Amino acid sequence: MINDDAYYMNMALAEARKALAEDEIPIGAVVVCDGQVVGRGHNMTETLNDVTAHAEMMAVTSAAQTLGGKYLSNCTLYVTVEPCLMCAGAIAWAQVRRVVYGAADVKRGYSIYTQRPFHPRATVTGGILEEECAQLMKDFFAKRR
């Protein structure tokens, strides 16, 4: 499963690079169900002038449209950075079965507030391609300063 996690996290990193190219905070996400990518997204808060347009929200919405329903109970969400509390809530409401993230977010990640924001049956794996995910963020913010 770790090889699969790296494979799909690389897809999430490709989404993050799209965000970077659009001068958005470089976070990307993909939703996978039964081995198929059913949703993709990257941060679009600046483009859409919408504080809720996080990568996870975009990917979950895309997956729900693809699958024709709001519940993603057989799906895994891959995201390059630990979800914020808002996204964690949406992930919980969508009943995502597994959440995999790259880099921790020590300033705004859900784990600052709670350890179990997701559906009770959900599992969480962190640290997949952590260095690559974190470096994208570090480089972005270094250029901003």
N, C-alpha and C. Protein backbone atom coordinates (compact mmCIF):
# COMPACT_ATOMS: atom_id res chain seq x y z
N MET A 1 0.82 -1.19 0.00
CA MET A 1 0.00 0.00 0.00
C MET A 1 0.87 1.27 0.00
N ILE A 2 2.03 1.24 0.62
CA ILE A 2 2.89 2.43 0.66
C ILE A 2 3.28 2.86 -0.75
N ASN A 3 3.56 1.89 -1.65
CA ASN A 3 3.88 2.25 -3.03
C ASN A 3 2.69 2.92 -3.71
N ASP A 4 1.48 2.40 -3.46
CA ASP A 4 0.28 3.04 -3.99
C ASP A 4 0.14 4.44 -3.43
N ASP A 5 0.41 4.59 -2.12
CA ASP A 5 0.30 5.90 -1.50
C ASP A 5 1.25 6.90 -2.15
N ALA A 6 2.47 6.50 -2.43
CA ALA A 6 3.44 7.39 -3.09
C ALA A 6 2.98 7.71 -4.51
N TYR A 7 2.44 6.73 -5.20
CA TYR A 7 1.95 6.93 -6.56
C TYR A 7 0.87 8.01 -6.60
N TYR A 8 -0.12 7.87 -5.73
CA TYR A 8 -1.23 8.83 -5.72
C TYR A 8 -0.82 10.16 -5.12
N MET A 9 0.12 10.14 -4.17
CA MET A 9 0.60 11.41 -3.62
C MET A 9 1.35 12.20 -4.70
N ASN A 10 2.02 11.50 -5.60
CA ASN A 10 2.66 12.20 -6.72
C ASN A 10 1.62 12.89 -7.60
N MET A 11 0.45 12.28 -7.74
CA MET A 11 -0.64 12.94 -8.47
C MET A 11 -1.10 14.19 -7.73
N ALA A 12 -1.20 14.09 -6.42
CA ALA A 12 -1.58 15.25 -5.61
C ALA A 12 -0.51 16.34 -5.73
N LEU A 13 0.75 15.96 -5.77
CA LEU A 13 1.83 16.93 -5.97
C LEU A 13 1.72 17.62 -7.33
N ALA A 14 1.30 16.89 -8.35
CA ALA A 14 1.09 17.50 -9.67
C ALA A 14 -0.01 18.56 -9.58
N GLU A 15 -1.06 18.28 -8.82
CA GLU A 15 -2.11 19.28 -8.60
C GLU A 15 -1.56 20.48 -7.84
N ALA A 16 -0.72 20.23 -6.86
CA ALA A 16 -0.11 21.33 -6.09
C ALA A 16 0.73 22.22 -7.01
N ARG A 17 1.41 21.61 -7.95
CA ARG A 17 2.22 22.39 -8.90
C ARG A 17 1.34 23.24 -9.81
N LYS A 18 0.14 22.77 -10.11
CA LYS A 18 -0.82 23.58 -10.87
C LYS A 18 -1.20 24.81 -10.05
N ALA A 19 -1.42 24.62 -8.76
CA ALA A 19 -1.74 25.75 -7.89
C ALA A 19 -0.59 26.74 -7.89
N LEU A 20 0.61 26.24 -7.78
CA LEU A 20 1.80 27.10 -7.78
C LEU A 20 1.88 27.92 -9.06
N ALA A 21 1.61 27.29 -10.19
CA ALA A 21 1.64 27.98 -11.48
C ALA A 21 0.59 29.08 -11.56
N GLU A 22 -0.47 28.95 -10.77
CA GLU A 22 -1.54 29.94 -10.73
C GLU A 22 -1.36 30.93 -9.58
N ASP A 23 -0.17 30.91 -8.94
CA ASP A 23 0.16 31.77 -7.81
C ASP A 23 -0.76 31.53 -6.62
N GLU A 24 -1.19 30.30 -6.47
CA GLU A 24 -1.98 29.87 -5.32
C GLU A 24 -1.06 29.12 -4.36
N ILE A 25 -1.45 29.02 -3.10
CA ILE A 25 -0.69 28.21 -2.16
C ILE A 25 -0.66 26.79 -2.71
N PRO A 26 0.54 26.21 -2.85
CA PRO A 26 0.67 24.93 -3.58
C PRO A 26 0.26 23.69 -2.78
N ILE A 27 -1.03 23.48 -2.72
CA ILE A 27 -1.58 22.28 -2.10
C ILE A 27 -2.46 21.60 -3.14
N GLY A 28 -2.29 20.29 -3.26
CA GLY A 28 -3.07 19.53 -4.21
C GLY A 28 -3.67 18.30 -3.56
N ALA A 29 -4.74 17.80 -4.19
CA ALA A 29 -5.44 16.63 -3.65
C ALA A 29 -6.03 15.79 -4.76
N VAL A 30 -6.12 14.50 -4.51
CA VAL A 30 -6.84 13.58 -5.40
C VAL A 30 -7.66 12.62 -4.54
N VAL A 31 -8.79 12.21 -5.08
CA VAL A 31 -9.64 11.21 -4.42
C VAL A 31 -9.60 9.96 -5.29
N VAL A 32 -9.34 8.83 -4.63
CA VAL A 32 -9.22 7.55 -5.32
C VAL A 32 -10.26 6.59 -4.77
N CYS A 33 -10.95 5.94 -5.68
CA CYS A 33 -11.97 4.95 -5.30
C CYS A 33 -11.78 3.71 -6.17
N ASP A 34 -11.58 2.59 -5.53
CA ASP A 34 -11.38 1.33 -6.25
C ASP A 34 -10.29 1.43 -7.31
N GLY A 35 -9.19 2.09 -6.95
CA GLY A 35 -8.04 2.19 -7.84
C GLY A 35 -8.17 3.22 -8.95
N GLN A 36 -9.25 3.98 -8.96
CA GLN A 36 -9.48 5.00 -10.00
C GLN A 36 -9.50 6.39 -9.36
N VAL A 37 -8.84 7.33 -9.99
CA VAL A 37 -8.93 8.71 -9.54
C VAL A 37 -10.30 9.25 -9.97
N VAL A 38 -11.09 9.65 -8.99
CA VAL A 38 -12.45 10.14 -9.27
C VAL A 38 -12.60 11.63 -8.99
N GLY A 39 -11.58 12.24 -8.38
CA GLY A 39 -11.63 13.67 -8.10
C GLY A 39 -10.24 14.23 -7.97
N ARG A 40 -10.08 15.45 -8.43
CA ARG A 40 -8.80 16.16 -8.34
C ARG A 40 -9.09 17.59 -7.93
N GLY A 41 -8.10 18.21 -7.30
CA GLY A 41 -8.26 19.62 -6.98
C GLY A 41 -6.97 20.21 -6.46
N HIS A 42 -6.90 21.52 -6.57
CA HIS A 42 -5.79 22.26 -5.97
C HIS A 42 -6.35 23.57 -5.44
N ASN A 43 -5.58 24.22 -4.60
CA ASN A 43 -6.06 25.47 -4.02
C ASN A 43 -6.45 26.45 -5.12
N MET A 44 -7.59 27.07 -4.94
CA MET A 44 -8.09 28.06 -5.89
C MET A 44 -8.70 29.25 -5.15
N THR A 45 -8.24 29.52 -3.94
CA THR A 45 -8.83 30.58 -3.13
C THR A 45 -8.65 31.96 -3.76
N GLU A 46 -7.51 32.20 -4.37
CA GLU A 46 -7.26 33.50 -5.02
C GLU A 46 -8.02 33.59 -6.34
N THR A 47 -7.95 32.54 -7.13
CA THR A 47 -8.60 32.51 -8.43
C THR A 47 -10.11 32.72 -8.31
N LEU A 48 -10.72 32.04 -7.34
CA LEU A 48 -12.16 32.11 -7.17
C LEU A 48 -12.60 33.15 -6.14
N ASN A 49 -11.61 33.79 -5.49
CA ASN A 49 -11.91 34.76 -4.43
C ASN A 49 -12.85 34.12 -3.40
N ASP A 50 -12.46 32.91 -2.96
CA ASP A 50 -13.30 32.09 -2.09
C ASP A 50 -12.41 31.40 -1.06
N VAL A 51 -12.57 31.76 0.20
CA VAL A 51 -11.72 31.18 1.25
C VAL A 51 -11.96 29.69 1.44
N THR A 52 -13.06 29.16 0.92
CA THR A 52 -13.33 27.73 1.08
C THR A 52 -12.79 26.88 -0.08
N ALA A 53 -12.18 27.50 -1.06
CA ALA A 53 -11.73 26.78 -2.26
C ALA A 53 -10.37 26.11 -2.04
N HIS A 54 -10.29 25.31 -0.98
CA HIS A 54 -9.07 24.55 -0.69
C HIS A 54 -9.01 23.31 -1.58
N ALA A 55 -7.82 22.78 -1.73
CA ALA A 55 -7.60 21.60 -2.59
C ALA A 55 -8.52 20.45 -2.22
N GLU A 56 -8.66 20.19 -0.93
CA GLU A 56 -9.48 19.07 -0.48
C GLU A 56 -10.94 19.28 -0.86
N MET A 57 -11.42 20.51 -0.68
CA MET A 57 -12.82 20.82 -1.00
C MET A 57 -13.08 20.63 -2.49
N MET A 58 -12.13 21.10 -3.30
CA MET A 58 -12.27 20.97 -4.75
C MET A 58 -12.29 19.49 -5.16
N ALA A 59 -11.38 18.70 -4.57
CA ALA A 59 -11.29 17.27 -4.91
C ALA A 59 -12.52 16.49 -4.43
N VAL A 60 -13.00 16.79 -3.24
CA VAL A 60 -14.18 16.10 -2.71
C VAL A 60 -15.40 16.43 -3.57
N THR A 61 -15.56 17.70 -3.93
CA THR A 61 -16.68 18.10 -4.79
C THR A 61 -16.60 17.40 -6.14
N SER A 62 -15.41 17.37 -6.72
CA SER A 62 -15.21 16.71 -8.00
C SER A 62 -15.54 15.22 -7.92
N ALA A 63 -15.10 14.57 -6.84
CA ALA A 63 -15.36 13.14 -6.67
C ALA A 63 -16.86 12.87 -6.51
N ALA A 64 -17.53 13.70 -5.73
CA ALA A 64 -18.97 13.52 -5.53
C ALA A 64 -19.72 13.66 -6.85
N GLN A 65 -19.30 14.60 -7.68
CA GLN A 65 -19.94 14.76 -8.98
C GLN A 65 -19.67 13.56 -9.88
N THR A 66 -18.43 13.08 -9.87
CA THR A 66 -18.07 11.92 -10.68
C THR A 66 -18.86 10.69 -10.27
N LEU A 67 -18.97 10.47 -8.97
CA LEU A 67 -19.63 9.26 -8.46
C LEU A 67 -21.14 9.40 -8.36
N GLY A 68 -21.63 10.62 -8.46
CA GLY A 68 -23.07 10.83 -8.42
C GLY A 68 -23.68 10.74 -7.04
N GLY A 69 -22.90 11.02 -6.01
CA GLY A 69 -23.42 10.99 -4.65
C GLY A 69 -22.47 11.71 -3.71
N LYS A 70 -23.00 12.15 -2.57
CA LYS A 70 -22.20 12.95 -1.65
C LYS A 70 -21.31 12.14 -0.72
N TYR A 71 -21.53 10.85 -0.62
CA TYR A 71 -20.73 10.03 0.28
C TYR A 71 -19.59 9.34 -0.47
N LEU A 72 -18.42 9.44 0.10
CA LEU A 72 -17.20 8.85 -0.50
C LEU A 72 -16.65 7.78 0.43
N SER A 73 -17.55 6.92 0.90
CA SER A 73 -17.20 5.97 1.95
C SER A 73 -16.24 4.86 1.51
N ASN A 74 -16.03 4.68 0.23
CA ASN A 74 -15.06 3.68 -0.24
C ASN A 74 -13.84 4.34 -0.87
N CYS A 75 -13.61 5.59 -0.51
CA CYS A 75 -12.56 6.37 -1.18
C CYS A 75 -11.44 6.76 -0.22
N THR A 76 -10.30 7.07 -0.84
CA THR A 76 -9.15 7.61 -0.13
C THR A 76 -8.85 8.98 -0.68
N LEU A 77 -8.63 9.93 0.21
CA LEU A 77 -8.22 11.28 -0.16
C LEU A 77 -6.73 11.41 0.07
N TYR A 78 -6.01 11.82 -0.97
CA TYR A 78 -4.58 12.11 -0.87
C TYR A 78 -4.42 13.62 -0.96
N VAL A 79 -3.74 14.22 -0.01
CA VAL A 79 -3.54 15.66 -0.01
C VAL A 79 -2.12 15.96 0.45
N THR A 80 -1.50 16.94 -0.17
CA THR A 80 -0.08 17.21 0.06
C THR A 80 0.22 17.79 1.43
N VAL A 81 -0.77 18.45 2.04
CA VAL A 81 -0.58 19.04 3.37
C VAL A 81 -1.76 18.63 4.25
N GLU A 82 -1.48 18.40 5.52
CA GLU A 82 -2.51 18.06 6.49
C GLU A 82 -3.72 18.98 6.35
N PRO A 83 -4.92 18.43 6.27
CA PRO A 83 -6.11 19.27 6.11
C PRO A 83 -6.33 20.22 7.29
N CYS A 84 -6.90 21.37 7.00
CA CYS A 84 -7.31 22.30 8.04
C CYS A 84 -8.59 21.78 8.68
N LEU A 85 -9.04 22.44 9.72
CA LEU A 85 -10.24 22.00 10.41
C LEU A 85 -11.48 22.07 9.52
N MET A 86 -11.59 23.11 8.68
CA MET A 86 -12.72 23.23 7.77
C MET A 86 -12.77 22.03 6.82
N CYS A 87 -11.63 21.73 6.21
CA CYS A 87 -11.58 20.61 5.26
C CYS A 87 -11.80 19.28 5.96
N ALA A 88 -11.28 19.14 7.18
CA ALA A 88 -11.49 17.92 7.94
C ALA A 88 -12.97 17.69 8.18
N GLY A 89 -13.71 18.76 8.44
CA GLY A 89 -15.15 18.64 8.62
C GLY A 89 -15.84 18.17 7.35
N ALA A 90 -15.47 18.75 6.22
CA ALA A 90 -16.06 18.34 4.94
C ALA A 90 -15.71 16.88 4.63
N ILE A 91 -14.48 16.50 4.92
CA ILE A 91 -14.03 15.12 4.70
C ILE A 91 -14.86 14.16 5.57
N ALA A 92 -15.13 14.58 6.80
CA ALA A 92 -15.95 13.77 7.70
C ALA A 92 -17.38 13.64 7.18
N TRP A 93 -17.97 14.76 6.74
CA TRP A 93 -19.34 14.72 6.23
C TRP A 93 -19.43 13.86 4.97
N ALA A 94 -18.38 13.85 4.17
CA ALA A 94 -18.36 13.01 2.96
C ALA A 94 -18.09 11.55 3.28
N GLN A 95 -17.76 11.26 4.53
CA GLN A 95 -17.49 9.90 5.00
C GLN A 95 -16.33 9.24 4.27
N VAL A 96 -15.31 10.02 3.94
CA VAL A 96 -14.11 9.48 3.31
C VAL A 96 -13.52 8.42 4.23
N ARG A 97 -13.20 7.26 3.67
CA ARG A 97 -12.73 6.12 4.46
C ARG A 97 -11.27 6.25 4.90
N ARG A 98 -10.46 6.90 4.08
CA ARG A 98 -9.03 6.99 4.40
C ARG A 98 -8.50 8.34 3.95
N VAL A 99 -7.69 8.95 4.80
CA VAL A 99 -7.05 10.23 4.50
C VAL A 99 -5.54 10.02 4.56
N VAL A 100 -4.87 10.42 3.48
CA VAL A 100 -3.42 10.31 3.41
C VAL A 100 -2.87 11.69 3.10
N TYR A 101 -1.97 12.17 3.94
CA TYR A 101 -1.38 13.48 3.67
C TYR A 101 0.14 13.42 3.68
N GLY A 102 0.73 14.43 3.06
CA GLY A 102 2.18 14.50 2.97
C GLY A 102 2.79 15.18 4.17
N ALA A 103 2.78 16.50 4.18
CA ALA A 103 3.41 17.29 5.24
C ALA A 103 2.40 17.70 6.30
N ALA A 104 2.83 17.70 7.54
CA ALA A 104 2.01 18.22 8.63
C ALA A 104 1.90 19.73 8.49
N ASP A 105 0.82 20.29 9.02
CA ASP A 105 0.64 21.74 9.05
C ASP A 105 0.58 22.16 10.51
N VAL A 106 1.72 22.59 11.04
CA VAL A 106 1.81 22.90 12.47
C VAL A 106 1.13 24.21 12.84
N LYS A 107 0.73 25.00 11.85
CA LYS A 107 0.06 26.27 12.14
C LYS A 107 -1.46 26.20 11.99
N ARG A 108 -1.94 25.44 11.01
CA ARG A 108 -3.38 25.43 10.73
C ARG A 108 -3.98 24.04 10.51
N GLY A 109 -3.21 22.99 10.73
CA GLY A 109 -3.72 21.64 10.53
C GLY A 109 -4.76 21.25 11.56
N TYR A 110 -5.61 20.30 11.21
CA TYR A 110 -6.68 19.86 12.11
C TYR A 110 -6.14 19.35 13.43
N SER A 111 -4.95 18.74 13.43
CA SER A 111 -4.43 18.09 14.64
C SER A 111 -4.10 19.08 15.76
N ILE A 112 -4.05 20.36 15.44
CA ILE A 112 -3.88 21.38 16.48
C ILE A 112 -5.12 21.40 17.37
N TYR A 113 -6.28 21.13 16.77
CA TYR A 113 -7.55 21.25 17.46
C TYR A 113 -8.11 19.94 17.97
N THR A 114 -7.93 18.89 17.19
CA THR A 114 -8.50 17.58 17.54
C THR A 114 -7.74 16.48 16.81
N GLN A 115 -7.72 15.31 17.38
CA GLN A 115 -7.05 14.17 16.74
C GLN A 115 -8.01 13.33 15.90
N ARG A 116 -9.32 13.45 16.10
CA ARG A 116 -10.28 12.59 15.40
C ARG A 116 -11.42 13.39 14.78
N PRO A 117 -11.15 14.21 13.78
CA PRO A 117 -12.24 14.98 13.18
C PRO A 117 -12.99 14.22 12.08
N PHE A 118 -12.45 13.10 11.65
CA PHE A 118 -13.00 12.39 10.51
C PHE A 118 -14.07 11.39 10.93
N HIS A 119 -14.66 10.73 9.95
CA HIS A 119 -15.66 9.69 10.21
C HIS A 119 -15.05 8.65 11.15
N PRO A 120 -15.84 8.09 12.05
CA PRO A 120 -15.29 7.12 13.02
C PRO A 120 -14.56 5.94 12.40
N ARG A 121 -14.94 5.54 11.18
CA ARG A 121 -14.28 4.41 10.52
C ARG A 121 -13.06 4.82 9.69
N ALA A 122 -12.83 6.11 9.59
CA ALA A 122 -11.72 6.60 8.75
C ALA A 122 -10.37 6.32 9.40
N THR A 123 -9.40 6.06 8.54
CA THR A 123 -8.02 5.93 9.00
C THR A 123 -7.20 7.06 8.39
N VAL A 124 -6.10 7.38 9.04
CA VAL A 124 -5.25 8.49 8.60
C VAL A 124 -3.81 8.02 8.52
N THR A 125 -3.15 8.38 7.43
CA THR A 125 -1.72 8.11 7.26
C THR A 125 -1.06 9.42 6.89
N GLY A 126 -0.06 9.82 7.62
CA GLY A 126 0.67 11.05 7.33
C GLY A 126 2.10 10.76 6.94
N GLY A 127 2.76 11.76 6.36
CA GLY A 127 4.18 11.66 6.07
C GLY A 127 4.53 11.02 4.74
N ILE A 128 3.57 10.84 3.85
CA ILE A 128 3.85 10.24 2.54
C ILE A 128 4.44 11.33 1.63
N LEU A 129 5.65 11.09 1.14
CA LEU A 129 6.41 12.07 0.34
C LEU A 129 6.47 13.42 1.08
N GLU A 130 6.65 13.32 2.37
CA GLU A 130 6.63 14.50 3.26
C GLU A 130 7.61 15.58 2.83
N GLU A 131 8.83 15.20 2.52
CA GLU A 131 9.84 16.19 2.16
C GLU A 131 9.46 16.97 0.91
N GLU A 132 9.00 16.27 -0.13
CA GLU A 132 8.61 16.95 -1.36
C GLU A 132 7.44 17.89 -1.13
N CYS A 133 6.47 17.42 -0.36
CA CYS A 133 5.28 18.24 -0.07
C CYS A 133 5.66 19.48 0.74
N ALA A 134 6.48 19.29 1.75
CA ALA A 134 6.90 20.41 2.61
C ALA A 134 7.76 21.40 1.84
N GLN A 135 8.64 20.90 0.98
CA GLN A 135 9.54 21.79 0.24
C GLN A 135 8.78 22.72 -0.70
N LEU A 136 7.74 22.21 -1.32
CA LEU A 136 6.91 23.04 -2.20
C LEU A 136 6.34 24.23 -1.41
N MET A 137 5.87 23.96 -0.21
CA MET A 137 5.33 25.03 0.64
C MET A 137 6.42 25.99 1.09
N LYS A 138 7.56 25.46 1.51
CA LYS A 138 8.66 26.31 1.97
C LYS A 138 9.14 27.24 0.85
N ASP A 139 9.30 26.69 -0.33
CA ASP A 139 9.75 27.50 -1.47
C ASP A 139 8.73 28.60 -1.80
N PHE A 140 7.46 28.26 -1.77
CA PHE A 140 6.41 29.23 -2.08
C PHE A 140 6.44 30.40 -1.09
N PHE A 141 6.50 30.09 0.20
CA PHE A 141 6.45 31.15 1.19
C PHE A 141 7.77 31.92 1.28
N ALA A 142 8.89 31.27 0.93
CA ALA A 142 10.17 31.99 0.91
C ALA A 142 10.15 33.08 -0.17
N LYS A 143 9.53 32.80 -1.30
CA LYS A 143 9.42 33.79 -2.37
C LYS A 143 8.48 34.94 -2.01
N ARG A 144 7.51 34.65 -1.12
CA ARG A 144 6.54 35.66 -0.72
C ARG A 144 7.13 36.68 0.27
N ARG A 145 8.16 36.27 0.97
CA ARG A 145 8.74 37.14 2.01
C ARG A 145 9.76 38.07 1.48
